[in-house]
Amino acid sequence: MINQLKEFLDISHSVYHAAAALEEMLISAGYEKLSEGEKWELAPGGKYYLTRSGSAVVAFRIPMGKPTGFMMSASHCDRPTFKVKENWELTGKYTRLATEPYGGMILSTWLDRPLSIAGRVLVETEEGVESRLVDIDRDLLVIPNVAIHMNRKCNDGVAWNVAVDTLPLVGGQQAAGRLDAILEEAAGGKILGHDLYLYLRQNASVWGVEEEYISAAGLDDLQCAFCCTKGFLDAEESSAIPVLCVFDSEEVGSNSPQGAAACLLPSVLERICGSLNVDLEQLLSQSFMVSADNAHAVHPNHPEYADGTNAPVMNGGVVIKFNASQRYATDGAAAAVFRKVCSKADVPVQTFYNRADLLGGGTLGRISLTQISVPTADIGLAQLAMHSAWETAGAKDGAYLADAMKAYYGSTLECPRDGSFFIR
């Protein structure tokens, strides 16, 4: 399991490459691709998926009998990084790259590391415009630090100016124009538009005295996206319709056509019900959502930042996340249902609250609830250095989540009356 996760992380250099890797997993498992622009003819026993904008993936299966509800999960495959601007070349004594931050980043972790560029480009063809993935597979860029001799207070805290301090170095004066040529050669044509991002060149690493940790770029939330997909593909059939959602744009608020705040998921559910001639609201009354987005582990050097009794550790199992102000969607009922699922899978469970005087981040659960109102458990895996360029998590926890999601997707939820739940 850990080697499969590493392989996935090592090829997911952009949100588009991550979505393409998940798509390949679905194709290998016999899933048929649907188009949003065509009529859907869904059959009992059928396995289907669709993509939107090349960066969001939704997959589902149709049970052989009459469906009783939806068992859904939501994760995301974008991460904080630098996005390449239009007119990207900055010239002078050196050639630099114009970028801007995407998401909330720990900026210092990006400096003095080999970087490159990956994403999608829109290429001019005789037939029109074609979307293609590009990944410049070489050490191409560095964001250089300022020497301590010129900034004696660099270890006392730095106020970063992202318009100045984090611009990558491409080359010398003679490098002007070369990056355009490299990208167009990789794209195989004239680039008319692009969504390009920086990525770290270092591959995922399993380490520790007992090889108990994994470090990589983008563990938040590629770890959950991969493990939910693994559990979805490995699950046994039930009378519920399993639905896997991997969204884009979570790190910037999910307000894009391929984000959780868009109509993507409700549109898919409506079309499933229309094709099967079943009532959507009736199925939603027997449905559940797992929002899978990584959680903060108690820090080894700063345990004071954690809640005193709800501080998860790496390799301690799946984390259920709570917040009284609904930054996480979990309530007591959703927690109870997911604990039952984990018990079936023999997976350990931990809990997370932010320390009451520290404001935490939000996640997909509360955003998805604005589109589909079903009981929702916000869960994740404990990790360190969230939103760093290089994050760390437990090597065992991915398998725990995959096992939990396998049990979840193989289950049926029954709600005979308000406030009562049975997992079959």
Protein backbone atom coordinates (compact mmCIF):
# COMPACT_ATOMS: atom_id res chain seq x y z
CA MET A 1 0.00 0.00 0.00
CA ILE A 2 2.73 2.50 0.95
CA ASN A 3 4.61 1.88 -2.30
CA GLN A 4 1.43 2.45 -4.32
CA LEU A 5 0.88 5.73 -2.49
CA LYS A 6 4.47 6.78 -3.17
CA GLU A 7 4.10 6.05 -6.88
CA PHE A 8 0.93 8.13 -7.01
CA LEU A 9 2.55 11.05 -5.18
CA ASP A 10 5.63 10.92 -7.43
CA ILE A 11 3.61 11.42 -10.62
CA SER A 12 1.05 13.91 -9.26
CA HIS A 13 3.10 17.02 -9.97
CA SER A 14 0.01 19.16 -10.56
CA VAL A 15 -3.71 18.91 -9.86
CA TYR A 16 -4.13 17.82 -13.49
CA HIS A 17 -1.57 15.04 -13.21
CA ALA A 18 -3.17 13.82 -9.97
CA ALA A 19 -6.60 13.69 -11.61
CA ALA A 20 -5.12 11.87 -14.62
CA ALA A 21 -3.50 9.29 -12.32
CA LEU A 22 -6.82 8.66 -10.55
CA GLU A 23 -8.51 8.36 -13.94
CA GLU A 24 -6.01 5.68 -14.93
CA MET A 25 -6.85 3.74 -11.77
CA LEU A 26 -10.54 3.84 -12.73
CA ILE A 27 -9.89 2.83 -16.34
CA SER A 28 -7.75 -0.11 -15.19
CA ALA A 29 -10.66 -1.22 -12.99
CA GLY A 30 -13.06 -1.23 -15.95
CA TYR A 31 -14.85 2.10 -15.45
CA GLU A 32 -16.55 3.70 -18.45
CA LYS A 33 -16.05 7.43 -19.03
CA LEU A 34 -19.18 9.56 -19.33
CA SER A 35 -19.53 12.95 -20.99
CA GLU A 36 -21.55 15.71 -19.35
CA GLY A 37 -22.62 16.77 -22.84
CA GLU A 38 -24.27 13.46 -23.75
CA LYS A 39 -27.28 11.51 -22.51
CA TRP A 40 -26.45 8.89 -19.89
CA GLU A 41 -27.71 5.34 -20.31
CA LEU A 42 -26.81 3.71 -16.99
CA ALA A 43 -27.20 -0.03 -16.45
CA PRO A 44 -27.39 -2.17 -13.29
CA GLY A 45 -23.89 -3.35 -12.46
CA GLY A 46 -22.37 -0.52 -14.50
CA LYS A 47 -19.21 1.31 -13.44
CA TYR A 48 -18.83 4.92 -14.56
CA TYR A 49 -16.78 8.08 -14.09
CA LEU A 50 -16.48 11.59 -15.46
CA THR A 51 -14.02 14.45 -15.24
CA ARG A 52 -14.52 18.19 -15.26
CA SER A 53 -11.87 20.67 -16.42
CA GLY A 54 -9.32 17.89 -16.24
CA SER A 55 -8.88 18.40 -12.50
CA ALA A 56 -11.99 16.93 -10.82
CA VAL A 57 -13.07 13.28 -10.93
CA VAL A 58 -16.40 11.72 -9.96
CA ALA A 59 -16.93 7.94 -10.14
CA PHE A 60 -19.87 5.72 -9.19
CA ARG A 61 -21.32 2.24 -9.52
CA ILE A 62 -24.92 1.14 -10.09
CA PRO A 63 -26.10 -1.77 -7.90
CA MET A 64 -27.85 -4.74 -9.48
CA GLY A 65 -31.03 -4.20 -7.48
CA LYS A 66 -33.04 -1.10 -6.65
CA PRO A 67 -30.69 1.51 -5.10
CA THR A 68 -31.38 2.55 -1.52
CA GLY A 69 -29.16 5.62 -1.18
CA PHE A 70 -25.73 7.11 -1.85
CA MET A 71 -22.51 6.44 0.07
CA MET A 72 -20.32 9.38 -0.95
CA SER A 73 -16.85 10.72 -0.23
CA ALA A 74 -15.20 14.03 -1.08
CA SER A 75 -11.48 14.79 -1.16
CA HIS A 76 -9.37 17.18 -3.22
CA CYS A 77 -6.27 16.96 -5.38
CA ASP A 78 -5.07 20.58 -5.43
CA ARG A 79 -2.42 21.88 -3.05
CA PRO A 80 -0.79 25.20 -2.09
CA THR A 81 1.86 26.10 -4.65
CA PHE A 82 2.94 28.86 -7.00
CA LYS A 83 0.97 29.46 -10.20
CA VAL A 84 2.81 30.73 -13.28
CA LYS A 85 1.49 34.07 -14.55
CA GLU A 86 0.78 35.10 -18.12
CA ASN A 87 3.76 37.01 -19.62
CA TRP A 88 5.86 35.06 -17.19
CA GLU A 89 9.36 36.21 -18.15
CA LEU A 90 11.15 38.80 -16.00
CA THR A 91 14.46 39.92 -17.50
CA GLY A 92 17.44 41.96 -16.29
CA LYS A 93 20.76 40.73 -14.96
CA TYR A 94 19.00 37.35 -14.60
CA THR A 95 15.93 35.73 -16.11
CA ARG A 96 13.20 35.07 -13.55
CA LEU A 97 9.68 33.63 -13.56
CA ALA A 98 6.59 35.69 -12.65
CA THR A 99 4.39 33.72 -10.23
CA GLU A 100 1.70 34.22 -7.60
CA PRO A 101 0.75 32.06 -4.61
CA TYR A 102 -2.07 29.54 -4.89
CA GLY A 103 -3.54 28.75 -1.47
CA GLY A 104 -2.11 29.32 2.00
CA MET A 105 1.58 28.44 1.82
CA ILE A 106 4.49 28.18 4.25
CA LEU A 107 6.61 30.28 1.92
CA SER A 108 10.03 29.63 3.45
CA THR A 109 9.80 25.91 2.69
CA TRP A 110 9.95 26.59 -1.05
CA LEU A 111 13.34 28.33 -1.03
CA ASP A 112 16.64 26.76 -2.12
CA ARG A 113 15.02 23.59 -3.51
CA PRO A 114 15.12 22.24 -7.06
CA LEU A 115 11.78 23.04 -8.71
CA SER A 116 10.09 22.52 -12.05
CA ILE A 117 6.82 23.27 -13.83
CA ALA A 118 3.79 21.06 -14.53
CA GLY A 119 0.13 21.51 -15.39
CA ARG A 120 -2.01 21.85 -18.48
CA VAL A 121 -1.65 23.96 -21.58
CA LEU A 122 -4.17 24.79 -24.29
CA VAL A 123 -2.52 24.24 -27.65
CA GLU A 124 -3.57 25.55 -31.06
CA THR A 125 -4.42 22.78 -33.54
CA GLU A 126 -6.00 22.66 -37.00
CA GLU A 127 -9.27 21.55 -35.37
CA GLY A 128 -9.29 24.18 -32.66
CA VAL A 129 -7.78 24.20 -29.16
CA GLU A 130 -6.60 21.05 -27.39
CA SER A 131 -5.80 20.59 -23.69
CA ARG A 132 -2.52 18.76 -23.00
CA LEU A 133 -0.57 17.91 -19.87
CA VAL A 134 3.01 19.08 -19.57
CA ASP A 135 5.65 18.22 -16.98
CA ILE A 136 9.17 19.56 -17.48
CA ASP A 137 11.04 16.56 -16.04
CA ARG A 138 14.26 18.25 -15.00
CA ASP A 139 15.62 20.52 -12.27
CA LEU A 140 14.61 23.82 -13.84
CA LEU A 141 14.18 26.53 -11.20
CA VAL A 142 15.29 27.65 -7.74
CA ILE A 143 13.90 30.37 -5.46
CA PRO A 144 17.15 31.63 -3.87
CA ASN A 145 17.33 32.79 -0.28
CA VAL A 146 19.07 35.97 0.82
CA ALA A 147 22.34 35.26 2.63
CA ILE A 148 22.41 35.80 6.39
CA HIS A 149 25.20 38.35 5.85
CA MET A 150 22.68 40.59 4.07
CA ASN A 151 19.75 39.84 6.36
CA ARG A 152 21.04 39.36 9.89
CA LYS A 153 17.49 39.01 11.22
CA CYS A 154 16.54 36.13 8.91
CA ASN A 155 16.29 33.74 11.87
CA ASP A 156 14.10 36.14 13.84
CA GLY A 157 11.17 35.89 11.46
CA VAL A 158 10.71 37.27 7.95
CA ALA A 159 7.82 39.17 6.39
CA TRP A 160 7.73 37.70 2.90
CA ASN A 161 6.80 39.82 -0.10
CA VAL A 162 5.53 37.37 -2.72
CA ALA A 163 5.99 39.93 -5.47
CA VAL A 164 9.73 40.07 -4.71
CA ASP A 165 11.10 37.36 -2.40
CA THR A 166 9.67 34.19 -3.96
CA LEU A 167 10.27 34.71 -7.69
CA PRO A 168 12.13 31.71 -9.14
CA LEU A 169 15.44 32.03 -10.96
CA VAL A 170 15.32 30.58 -14.49
CA GLY A 171 18.81 31.46 -15.75
CA GLY A 172 21.11 34.26 -16.79
CA GLN A 173 20.45 37.02 -19.30
CA GLN A 174 21.02 34.59 -22.14
CA ALA A 175 18.13 32.43 -20.90
CA ALA A 176 15.55 35.00 -22.05
CA GLY A 177 12.98 33.30 -24.30
CA ARG A 178 14.25 29.80 -23.56
CA LEU A 179 11.46 28.83 -21.17
CA ASP A 180 8.81 29.64 -23.78
CA ALA A 181 10.56 27.33 -26.21
CA ILE A 182 10.91 24.54 -23.62
CA LEU A 183 7.21 24.67 -22.73
CA GLU A 184 6.02 24.79 -26.35
CA GLU A 185 8.29 21.88 -27.23
CA ALA A 186 6.82 19.88 -24.33
CA ALA A 187 3.29 20.90 -25.38
CA GLY A 188 3.85 20.00 -29.02
CA GLY A 189 2.42 23.25 -30.38
CA LYS A 190 1.71 26.92 -29.86
CA ILE A 191 0.37 27.60 -26.37
CA LEU A 192 -2.75 29.78 -26.32
CA GLY A 193 -3.51 29.39 -22.61
CA HIS A 194 -2.13 27.62 -19.58
CA ASP A 195 -2.62 26.57 -15.96
CA LEU A 196 0.94 25.87 -14.87
CA TYR A 197 2.31 25.39 -11.35
CA LEU A 198 5.64 24.89 -9.62
CA TYR A 199 6.45 21.57 -7.97
CA LEU A 200 9.26 20.12 -5.87
CA ARG A 201 11.53 17.71 -7.70
CA GLN A 202 12.05 15.46 -4.66
CA ASN A 203 10.19 12.12 -4.65
CA ALA A 204 8.19 10.88 -1.68
CA SER A 205 10.28 9.31 1.07
CA VAL A 206 9.50 6.68 3.71
CA TRP A 207 11.77 7.21 6.71
CA GLY A 208 12.25 6.82 10.46
CA VAL A 209 13.95 4.22 12.64
CA GLU A 210 11.18 1.77 11.79
CA GLU A 211 10.23 3.45 8.47
CA GLU A 212 7.13 4.73 10.20
CA TYR A 213 6.74 8.06 8.38
CA ILE A 214 6.18 9.25 4.83
CA SER A 215 7.15 12.72 3.62
CA ALA A 216 6.14 14.22 0.29
CA ALA A 217 4.73 17.25 -1.43
CA GLY A 218 0.95 17.51 -1.41
CA LEU A 219 0.07 14.90 1.22
CA ASP A 220 -2.76 17.31 2.02
CA ASP A 221 -4.87 16.10 0.31
CA LEU A 222 -3.41 13.61 -2.20
CA GLN A 223 -3.08 11.03 0.57
CA CYS A 224 -6.83 11.04 1.21
CA ALA A 225 -7.69 11.25 -2.51
CA PHE A 226 -5.64 8.14 -3.26
CA CYS A 227 -6.79 6.14 -0.23
CA CYS A 228 -10.47 6.95 -0.81
CA THR A 229 -10.08 5.83 -4.44
CA LYS A 230 -8.38 2.63 -3.31
CA GLY A 231 -11.18 1.86 -0.85
CA PHE A 232 -13.81 2.71 -3.48
CA LEU A 233 -12.29 0.29 -6.00
CA ASP A 234 -11.78 -2.54 -3.48
CA ALA A 235 -15.23 -2.38 -1.86
CA GLU A 236 -17.81 -5.13 -2.17
CA GLU A 237 -21.17 -4.30 -3.68
CA SER A 238 -24.17 -3.25 -1.61
CA SER A 239 -27.61 -1.86 -2.39
CA ALA A 240 -26.31 1.72 -2.10
CA ILE A 241 -24.71 3.68 -4.93
CA PRO A 242 -21.07 4.40 -4.03
CA VAL A 243 -19.89 7.82 -5.24
CA LEU A 244 -16.26 8.95 -5.23
CA CYS A 245 -15.63 12.71 -5.59
CA VAL A 246 -12.17 14.25 -5.95
CA PHE A 247 -12.51 18.00 -6.37
CA ASP A 248 -10.22 20.85 -7.35
CA SER A 249 -9.92 24.38 -5.88
CA GLU A 250 -10.35 23.47 -2.20
CA GLU A 251 -7.26 25.45 -1.22
CA VAL A 252 -8.78 28.65 -2.63
CA GLY A 253 -12.38 28.27 -1.47
CA SER A 254 -13.82 25.64 -3.88
CA ASN A 255 -15.57 28.33 -5.97
CA SER A 256 -14.77 26.99 -9.43
CA PRO A 257 -16.74 24.80 -11.88
CA GLN A 258 -14.64 21.85 -10.68
CA GLY A 259 -14.83 22.68 -6.96
CA ALA A 260 -17.04 21.32 -4.20
CA ALA A 261 -19.09 24.53 -4.12
CA ALA A 262 -20.14 24.04 -7.75
CA CYS A 263 -23.06 22.07 -9.17
CA LEU A 264 -20.90 19.06 -10.12
CA LEU A 265 -22.00 16.60 -7.43
CA PRO A 266 -25.74 17.48 -7.36
CA SER A 267 -25.77 17.37 -11.16
CA VAL A 268 -24.27 13.87 -11.16
CA LEU A 269 -26.74 12.60 -8.55
CA GLU A 270 -29.70 14.09 -10.42
CA ARG A 271 -28.62 12.48 -13.66
CA ILE A 272 -28.11 9.11 -11.98
CA CYS A 273 -31.62 9.24 -10.55
CA GLY A 274 -33.08 10.42 -13.85
CA SER A 275 -31.48 7.57 -15.75
CA LEU A 276 -32.62 4.99 -13.18
CA ASN A 277 -36.06 6.58 -12.72
CA VAL A 278 -35.72 6.84 -8.94
CA ASP A 279 -36.46 9.76 -6.60
CA LEU A 280 -33.38 11.80 -5.62
CA GLU A 281 -34.75 13.15 -2.33
CA GLN A 282 -35.81 9.68 -1.23
CA LEU A 283 -32.32 8.33 -1.88
CA LEU A 284 -30.68 11.28 -0.13
CA SER A 285 -32.68 10.47 3.02
CA GLN A 286 -30.70 7.20 3.23
CA SER A 287 -27.32 8.67 2.24
CA PHE A 288 -24.05 9.72 3.89
CA MET A 289 -20.97 11.78 3.05
CA VAL A 290 -17.37 11.34 4.21
CA SER A 291 -15.28 14.47 3.73
CA ALA A 292 -11.66 13.28 3.72
CA ASP A 293 -9.05 16.01 4.21
CA ASN A 294 -5.95 15.65 6.35
CA ALA A 295 -5.77 16.71 10.01
CA HIS A 296 -3.11 18.26 12.23
CA ALA A 297 -1.04 15.82 14.29
CA VAL A 298 0.20 16.96 17.68
CA HIS A 299 3.59 18.55 17.00
CA PRO A 300 6.62 16.90 18.67
CA ASN A 301 8.22 20.26 19.50
CA HIS A 302 5.07 22.30 20.10
CA PRO A 303 2.41 20.17 21.80
CA GLU A 304 0.99 23.38 23.29
CA TYR A 305 -0.74 24.15 19.97
CA ALA A 306 -2.91 21.03 20.25
CA ASP A 307 -6.14 20.50 22.15
CA GLY A 308 -5.38 18.77 25.43
CA THR A 309 -7.55 15.68 24.91
CA ASN A 310 -8.17 15.61 21.16
CA ALA A 311 -4.66 15.67 19.70
CA PRO A 312 -4.14 12.87 17.13
CA VAL A 313 -0.78 11.27 16.42
CA MET A 314 0.64 9.92 13.20
CA ASN A 315 0.06 6.17 12.73
CA GLY A 316 -2.76 6.34 15.28
CA GLY A 317 -5.56 5.71 12.78
CA VAL A 318 -8.23 7.74 11.01
CA VAL A 319 -9.06 11.13 12.57
CA ILE A 320 -12.64 12.40 13.01
CA LYS A 321 -12.65 16.21 13.05
CA PHE A 322 -15.02 18.39 15.10
CA ASN A 323 -15.70 22.12 15.41
CA ALA A 324 -18.55 23.78 17.29
CA SER A 325 -18.80 26.56 14.67
CA GLN A 326 -19.21 23.99 11.88
CA ARG A 327 -15.88 24.62 10.19
CA TYR A 328 -16.01 20.83 10.16
CA ALA A 329 -19.37 19.25 9.41
CA THR A 330 -19.19 16.32 11.84
CA ASP A 331 -21.92 16.10 14.48
CA GLY A 332 -22.52 13.37 17.04
CA ALA A 333 -24.68 11.30 14.68
CA ALA A 334 -22.16 11.41 11.82
CA ALA A 335 -19.32 10.54 14.20
CA ALA A 336 -21.27 7.55 15.51
CA VAL A 337 -21.96 6.25 12.00
CA PHE A 338 -18.34 6.56 10.92
CA ARG A 339 -17.09 4.95 14.13
CA LYS A 340 -19.34 1.97 13.32
CA VAL A 341 -17.79 1.76 9.86
CA CYS A 342 -14.26 1.85 11.29
CA SER A 343 -15.21 -0.80 13.84
CA LYS A 344 -16.36 -3.07 11.00
CA ALA A 345 -13.00 -2.55 9.30
CA ASP A 346 -10.99 -2.95 12.54
CA VAL A 347 -9.49 0.52 11.98
CA PRO A 348 -8.45 2.69 14.95
CA VAL A 349 -10.11 6.09 15.31
CA GLN A 350 -8.81 9.36 16.77
CA THR A 351 -10.45 12.75 17.30
CA PHE A 352 -9.36 16.28 16.51
CA TYR A 353 -10.48 19.66 17.79
CA ASN A 354 -8.59 22.89 17.29
CA ARG A 355 -7.45 24.40 20.56
CA ALA A 356 -10.38 26.63 21.48
CA ASP A 357 -8.39 29.87 21.16
CA LEU A 358 -6.84 28.97 17.78
CA LEU A 359 -8.76 29.36 14.54
CA GLY A 360 -8.41 26.34 12.24
CA GLY A 361 -9.06 25.86 8.55
CA GLY A 362 -12.27 24.69 6.92
CA THR A 363 -12.72 21.72 4.64
CA LEU A 364 -14.91 20.09 2.01
CA GLY A 365 -17.60 18.83 4.38
CA ARG A 366 -19.31 22.13 5.14
CA ILE A 367 -18.92 23.23 1.49
CA SER A 368 -20.49 20.03 0.18
CA LEU A 369 -23.41 20.49 2.58
CA THR A 370 -24.39 23.65 0.72
CA GLN A 371 -25.02 21.45 -2.33
CA ILE A 372 -26.11 18.08 -0.88
CA SER A 373 -27.64 18.00 2.60
CA VAL A 374 -26.83 14.61 4.11
CA PRO A 375 -25.14 13.53 7.36
CA THR A 376 -21.43 14.25 6.93
CA ALA A 377 -18.32 13.14 8.79
CA ASP A 378 -15.21 15.25 8.33
CA ILE A 379 -12.23 12.94 8.64
CA GLY A 380 -8.56 12.86 7.70
CA LEU A 381 -5.12 11.49 8.50
CA ALA A 382 -2.80 13.09 11.04
CA GLN A 383 0.13 14.98 9.53
CA LEU A 384 2.80 17.54 10.36
CA ALA A 385 3.67 20.78 8.55
CA MET A 386 0.38 21.14 6.69
CA HIS A 387 0.78 23.51 3.72
CA SER A 388 4.56 23.21 3.79
CA ALA A 389 6.18 22.37 0.47
CA TRP A 390 7.23 19.11 2.16
CA GLU A 391 4.74 17.45 4.54
CA THR A 392 4.95 14.40 6.83
CA ALA A 393 2.40 11.75 7.79
CA GLY A 394 2.25 8.24 9.21
CA ALA A 395 3.21 5.38 6.90
CA LYS A 396 0.50 3.13 8.39
CA ASP A 397 -2.38 5.58 8.23
CA GLY A 398 -3.00 5.37 4.48
CA ALA A 399 -3.81 1.68 4.78
CA TYR A 400 -6.12 2.43 7.71
CA LEU A 401 -8.06 4.94 5.60
CA ALA A 402 -8.21 2.63 2.57
CA ASP A 403 -9.58 -0.18 4.78
CA ALA A 404 -12.12 2.15 6.39
CA MET A 405 -13.31 3.40 3.00
CA LYS A 406 -13.51 -0.14 1.65
CA ALA A 407 -15.87 -0.99 4.51
CA TYR A 408 -17.74 2.29 4.07
CA TYR A 409 -18.31 1.86 0.34
CA GLY A 410 -19.42 -1.72 0.88
CA SER A 411 -22.08 -0.63 3.37
CA THR A 412 -25.71 0.48 3.19
CA LEU A 413 -27.13 3.18 5.45
CA GLU A 414 -30.68 2.81 6.76
CA CYS A 415 -32.45 5.71 8.51
CA PRO A 416 -35.83 4.33 9.59
CA ARG A 417 -36.63 7.53 11.52
CA ASP A 418 -35.01 10.83 12.25
CA GLY A 419 -31.94 10.35 14.44
CA SER A 420 -31.66 6.56 13.96
CA PHE A 421 -29.00 4.99 11.74
CA PHE A 422 -28.12 1.41 10.85
CA ILE A 423 -25.03 0.36 8.89
CA ARG A 424 -25.57 -2.88 6.96
